[in-house]
Amino acid sequence: MSLIVNGEAVALPSDPRVSLLDHLRETLQLTGTKKGCNQGACGACTVLVEGERILSCLALAVQYEGRSVTTIEGLAGEDGLHPLQQAFIEHDGFQCGYCTPGQICSAIGMAAEAGRGVPSHVSADLTAAVALTREEVQERMSGNLCRCGAHNGIVDAIRATVAAEWAA
């Protein structure tokens, strides 16, 4: 039994009670994914499973057998940082950086949701294409907390990159 993490097949833990977060951090030593609240309330543990954002602290590793998981470590390419990672630097989207990996993974998943036309609580027209306005991005990213208060830089980085094609 295995799952694919950042493009590589890795064994699942022998204990089916191990969370995906703990498997990534403790077994695979992928410590970019952070353990914040360990209750699904802060978003620090957000990773992508086949492009969808999930809270890895609430997921059992065995639930994702055979599926593809992307962590913050899997986003950068051979040419350098993912454009959103670079935008976080350019737009001062982090201070302490603890929430940054979860924010970036969540933003990538959020942009894909918007691209598929999934509305949010603040979407004015539930049948129209999604425009990732500042308000839309703020609402869609509200599950990822930043204690340092870098939210403006985070939203700016997201709107400058992954949300650019849907921005209004």
Protein backbone atom coordinates (compact mmCIF):
# COMPACT_ATOMS: atom_id res chain seq x y z
CA MET A 1 0.00 0.00 0.00
CA SER A 2 1.36 3.39 -0.98
CA LEU A 3 0.53 6.92 -1.90
CA ILE A 4 2.30 9.35 -4.22
CA VAL A 5 3.91 12.29 -2.43
CA ASN A 6 5.45 14.98 -4.59
CA GLY A 7 5.68 12.55 -7.47
CA GLU A 8 7.25 9.63 -5.57
CA ALA A 9 5.55 6.48 -4.34
CA VAL A 10 5.89 6.18 -0.57
CA ALA A 11 4.69 3.51 1.81
CA LEU A 12 1.67 4.13 3.97
CA PRO A 13 2.14 3.87 7.73
CA SER A 14 1.52 0.46 9.26
CA ASP A 15 -0.79 2.07 11.83
CA PRO A 16 -4.04 3.13 10.12
CA ARG A 17 -4.63 5.79 12.79
CA VAL A 18 -1.73 7.99 11.62
CA SER A 19 -2.84 11.31 10.17
CA LEU A 20 -1.58 12.38 6.79
CA LEU A 21 0.06 15.35 8.50
CA ASP A 22 2.01 13.17 10.93
CA HIS A 23 3.01 10.78 8.16
CA LEU A 24 4.34 13.66 6.05
CA ARG A 25 6.21 15.32 8.92
CA GLU A 26 7.34 12.45 11.11
CA THR A 27 7.84 9.56 8.69
CA LEU A 28 8.70 11.31 5.43
CA GLN A 29 10.48 14.29 7.06
CA LEU A 30 8.55 16.76 4.89
CA THR A 31 8.36 19.43 7.56
CA GLY A 32 7.12 22.25 5.32
CA THR A 33 3.56 21.25 6.13
CA LYS A 34 2.96 22.68 9.59
CA LYS A 35 1.05 21.39 12.58
CA GLY A 36 -0.84 24.37 13.93
CA CYS A 37 -4.03 23.68 15.83
CA ASN A 38 -4.27 19.95 14.91
CA GLN A 39 -8.06 20.44 14.79
CA GLY A 40 -8.63 21.74 11.25
CA ALA A 41 -9.21 25.33 12.34
CA CYS A 42 -6.05 27.14 11.19
CA GLY A 43 -5.12 25.78 7.75
CA ALA A 44 -1.37 25.50 8.46
CA CYS A 45 -1.46 21.83 7.44
CA THR A 46 -3.11 22.38 4.04
CA VAL A 47 -1.79 20.17 1.23
CA LEU A 48 -3.12 19.28 -2.21
CA VAL A 49 -4.56 15.86 -3.00
CA GLU A 50 -4.90 15.53 -6.74
CA GLY A 51 -5.15 19.31 -6.90
CA GLU A 52 -7.79 19.68 -4.16
CA ARG A 53 -6.86 21.40 -0.92
CA ILE A 54 -7.34 19.38 2.25
CA LEU A 55 -6.46 19.76 5.91
CA SER A 56 -3.93 17.00 6.46
CA CYS A 57 -4.38 17.03 10.24
CA LEU A 58 -7.97 15.80 9.75
CA ALA A 59 -7.10 13.11 7.22
CA LEU A 60 -5.81 9.62 7.83
CA ALA A 61 -2.89 8.73 5.58
CA VAL A 62 -4.55 5.43 4.60
CA GLN A 63 -7.51 7.34 3.14
CA TYR A 64 -5.25 8.48 0.31
CA GLU A 65 -3.87 5.14 -0.80
CA GLY A 66 -2.83 5.39 -4.45
CA ARG A 67 -3.60 9.11 -4.63
CA SER A 68 -1.26 11.98 -5.38
CA VAL A 69 -0.37 14.37 -2.56
CA THR A 70 1.53 17.60 -3.16
CA THR A 71 3.16 19.45 -0.28
CA ILE A 72 4.91 22.81 -0.32
CA GLU A 73 8.16 20.94 -1.06
CA GLY A 74 6.63 19.58 -4.26
CA LEU A 75 5.62 22.92 -5.75
CA ALA A 76 9.01 24.34 -6.72
CA GLY A 77 10.37 23.14 -10.03
CA GLU A 78 13.83 22.63 -11.41
CA ASP A 79 13.75 26.24 -12.63
CA GLY A 80 13.15 27.61 -9.13
CA LEU A 81 10.26 28.60 -6.95
CA HIS A 82 6.63 28.19 -7.96
CA PRO A 83 5.34 31.60 -9.14
CA LEU A 84 3.14 31.90 -6.04
CA GLN A 85 6.10 31.19 -3.76
CA GLN A 86 8.01 33.98 -5.53
CA ALA A 87 5.01 36.30 -5.28
CA PHE A 88 4.85 35.75 -1.51
CA ILE A 89 8.40 37.09 -1.34
CA GLU A 90 7.71 40.02 -3.67
CA HIS A 91 4.44 41.04 -1.97
CA ASP A 92 5.66 40.46 1.60
CA GLY A 93 3.08 37.72 2.07
CA PHE A 94 4.67 36.34 5.18
CA GLN A 95 6.25 37.49 8.39
CA CYS A 96 7.15 34.53 10.59
CA GLY A 97 6.38 32.15 7.70
CA TYR A 98 4.67 29.48 9.77
CA CYS A 99 1.38 29.66 7.88
CA THR A 100 2.98 30.25 4.47
CA PRO A 101 3.11 26.63 3.22
CA GLY A 102 -0.56 26.09 4.03
CA GLN A 103 -1.51 29.47 2.58
CA ILE A 104 0.28 28.70 -0.70
CA CYS A 105 -1.16 25.20 -1.08
CA SER A 106 -4.62 26.50 -0.21
CA ALA A 107 -4.34 29.33 -2.75
CA ILE A 108 -3.43 26.92 -5.52
CA GLY A 109 -6.41 24.72 -4.66
CA MET A 110 -8.64 27.78 -4.32
CA ALA A 111 -7.72 29.05 -7.77
CA ALA A 112 -8.56 25.65 -9.25
CA GLU A 113 -11.96 25.72 -7.50
CA ALA A 114 -12.65 29.18 -8.91
CA GLY A 115 -11.55 28.02 -12.34
CA ARG A 116 -14.16 25.27 -12.18
CA GLY A 117 -16.80 27.88 -11.30
CA VAL A 118 -17.32 26.87 -7.67
CA PRO A 119 -19.00 29.86 -5.96
CA SER A 120 -18.22 31.10 -2.47
CA HIS A 121 -20.35 32.72 0.22
CA VAL A 122 -19.66 36.17 -1.27
CA SER A 123 -20.18 35.25 -4.93
CA ALA A 124 -22.85 37.62 -6.25
CA ASP A 125 -24.06 35.34 -9.04
CA LEU A 126 -23.95 31.60 -8.37
CA THR A 127 -24.25 30.76 -12.06
CA ALA A 128 -21.69 33.23 -13.48
CA ALA A 129 -17.97 32.67 -13.91
CA VAL A 130 -16.06 33.40 -10.73
CA ALA A 131 -14.15 36.69 -10.61
CA LEU A 132 -11.46 36.49 -7.97
CA THR A 133 -11.86 39.96 -6.58
CA ARG A 134 -10.08 40.90 -3.40
CA GLU A 135 -13.27 40.08 -1.46
CA GLU A 136 -13.57 36.65 -3.14
CA VAL A 137 -9.95 35.78 -2.37
CA GLN A 138 -10.32 36.89 1.24
CA GLU A 139 -13.45 34.78 1.68
CA ARG A 140 -11.98 31.72 -0.04
CA MET A 141 -8.79 31.93 2.01
CA SER A 142 -10.56 32.56 5.33
CA GLY A 143 -9.80 29.02 6.52
CA ASN A 144 -6.08 29.81 6.53
CA LEU A 145 -5.11 31.98 9.47
CA CYS A 146 -2.06 34.23 9.81
CA ARG A 147 -1.29 35.32 13.33
CA CYS A 148 1.27 37.88 12.14
CA GLY A 149 -1.24 39.86 10.12
CA ALA A 150 0.30 39.43 6.66
CA HIS A 151 -3.13 38.93 5.06
CA ASN A 152 -2.85 41.95 2.73
CA GLY A 153 0.43 40.69 1.30
CA ILE A 154 -0.98 37.17 1.01
CA VAL A 155 -4.02 38.38 -0.93
CA ASP A 156 -1.83 40.59 -3.13
CA ALA A 157 0.48 37.65 -3.92
CA ILE A 158 -2.45 35.39 -4.76
CA ARG A 159 -4.13 37.99 -6.98
CA ALA A 160 -0.84 38.69 -8.79
CA THR A 161 -0.33 35.03 -9.68
CA VAL A 162 -2.74 32.11 -9.43
CA ALA A 163 -5.83 34.31 -9.34
CA ALA A 164 -4.71 36.72 -12.08
CA GLU A 165 -6.76 35.13 -14.85
CA TRP A 166 -9.95 35.33 -12.76
CA ALA A 167 -9.29 38.66 -11.05
CA ALA A 168 -11.64 41.53 -11.55
